[in-house]
Protein backbone atom coordinates (compact mmCIF):
# COMPACT_ATOMS: atom_id res chain seq x y z
CA MET A 1 -21.09 16.29 96.14
CA ARG A 2 -22.48 16.34 99.98
CA GLU A 3 -22.38 12.74 100.48
CA GLN A 4 -18.51 12.43 99.53
CA ARG A 5 -17.45 14.71 102.37
CA ARG A 6 -16.30 13.07 105.44
CA ALA A 7 -19.08 12.05 108.10
CA LEU A 8 -18.05 10.96 111.78
CA VAL A 9 -19.78 9.82 114.70
CA GLY A 10 -19.11 11.04 118.31
CA THR A 11 -20.06 12.42 121.73
CA VAL A 12 -20.73 15.90 122.36
CA THR A 13 -18.53 16.99 125.05
CA SER A 14 -19.17 20.66 125.62
CA ASP A 15 -22.02 22.81 124.38
CA LYS A 16 -21.21 26.07 126.34
CA MET A 17 -20.59 28.10 122.98
CA ASP A 18 -23.29 29.68 120.96
CA LYS A 19 -24.19 27.67 117.92
CA THR A 20 -20.81 25.75 118.33
CA VAL A 21 -20.29 22.04 120.10
CA VAL A 22 -17.21 20.35 120.53
CA VAL A 23 -17.49 16.48 119.53
CA THR A 24 -14.86 14.00 120.77
CA ILE A 25 -14.27 11.13 118.42
CA GLU A 26 -12.83 7.76 119.60
CA ARG A 27 -11.27 5.39 117.38
CA THR A 28 -9.15 2.46 117.99
CA THR A 29 -5.82 1.66 116.43
CA ARG A 30 -2.76 -0.74 116.81
CA HIS A 31 0.39 0.50 118.32
CA PRO A 32 3.26 0.35 115.68
CA LEU A 33 5.75 -1.12 117.97
CA TYR A 34 4.16 -3.14 120.42
CA GLY A 35 0.82 -3.97 118.40
CA LYS A 36 -1.39 -3.33 121.36
CA VAL A 37 -4.95 -2.05 120.51
CA VAL A 38 -5.33 1.65 121.83
CA LYS A 39 -7.97 4.13 122.02
CA VAL A 40 -7.32 7.50 120.34
CA SER A 41 -9.50 10.39 120.56
CA LYS A 42 -9.77 13.94 118.85
CA LYS A 43 -12.01 16.69 119.42
CA TYR A 44 -13.64 18.76 116.47
CA LYS A 45 -15.70 21.90 116.66
CA ALA A 46 -19.01 21.54 114.88
CA HIS A 47 -21.53 24.24 114.00
CA ASN A 48 -24.75 23.62 115.91
CA GLU A 49 -27.35 26.29 114.39
CA ASN A 50 -30.30 25.83 116.38
CA ASN A 51 -28.38 24.76 119.63
CA GLU A 52 -30.10 21.28 119.50
CA ALA A 53 -27.36 19.06 120.80
CA LYS A 54 -26.49 19.00 124.21
CA GLN A 55 -23.65 17.40 126.35
CA GLY A 56 -23.57 13.63 126.11
CA ASP A 57 -25.41 13.52 122.86
CA LEU A 58 -24.40 11.10 120.10
CA VAL A 59 -24.10 12.90 117.10
CA ARG A 60 -23.04 12.71 113.30
CA ILE A 61 -20.95 15.48 111.94
CA ARG A 62 -20.04 16.24 108.34
CA GLU A 63 -17.42 18.12 106.82
CA CYS A 64 -18.24 21.45 105.26
CA ARG A 65 -16.66 24.76 104.33
CA PRO A 66 -14.42 26.78 106.60
CA ILE A 67 -16.96 28.61 109.08
CA SER A 68 -14.50 29.86 111.28
CA LYS A 69 -10.72 29.28 112.18
CA ASP A 70 -11.49 25.89 114.01
CA LYS A 71 -15.24 25.08 112.69
CA LYS A 72 -14.97 23.09 109.83
CA PHE A 73 -17.67 20.57 110.47
CA PHE A 74 -21.63 20.76 111.19
CA VAL A 75 -24.09 18.79 113.35
CA GLU A 76 -26.00 16.59 110.47
CA GLU A 77 -27.99 14.58 112.90
CA ILE A 78 -28.39 13.67 116.37
CA LEU A 79 -28.48 9.72 116.82
CA GLN A 80 -29.28 9.47 120.34
CA ARG A 81 -30.04 12.00 123.40
CA ALA A 82 -28.03 11.78 126.63
CA VAL A 83 -29.90 10.41 129.61
CA VAL A 84 -30.59 13.33 132.06
CA VAL A 85 -30.80 12.48 135.67
CA ASP A 86 -32.68 14.77 137.82
CA GLU A 87 -30.50 14.92 141.15
CA ALA A 88 -33.17 16.93 143.23
CA ASN A 89 -35.30 13.85 143.07
CA VAL A 90 -32.33 11.44 143.85
């Protein structure tokens, strides 16, 4: 049953909340009148139990039961860690 739920891949844009991250999903779609390919982005709040995902990480989120008013996804897997640049040594 769990595999039938929606899975999306996106980038963590905010990790300031406790046990929650905001994930931005970007997709391309064609404009209905002009036919130009445009990027459309949408933000989802996802449950991050151990605060493992940080800002800039590429993550896979999966749909689940409603955890709160806005949270209906959880972080299933961290696909790629963000590159951290230490500004003190630069």
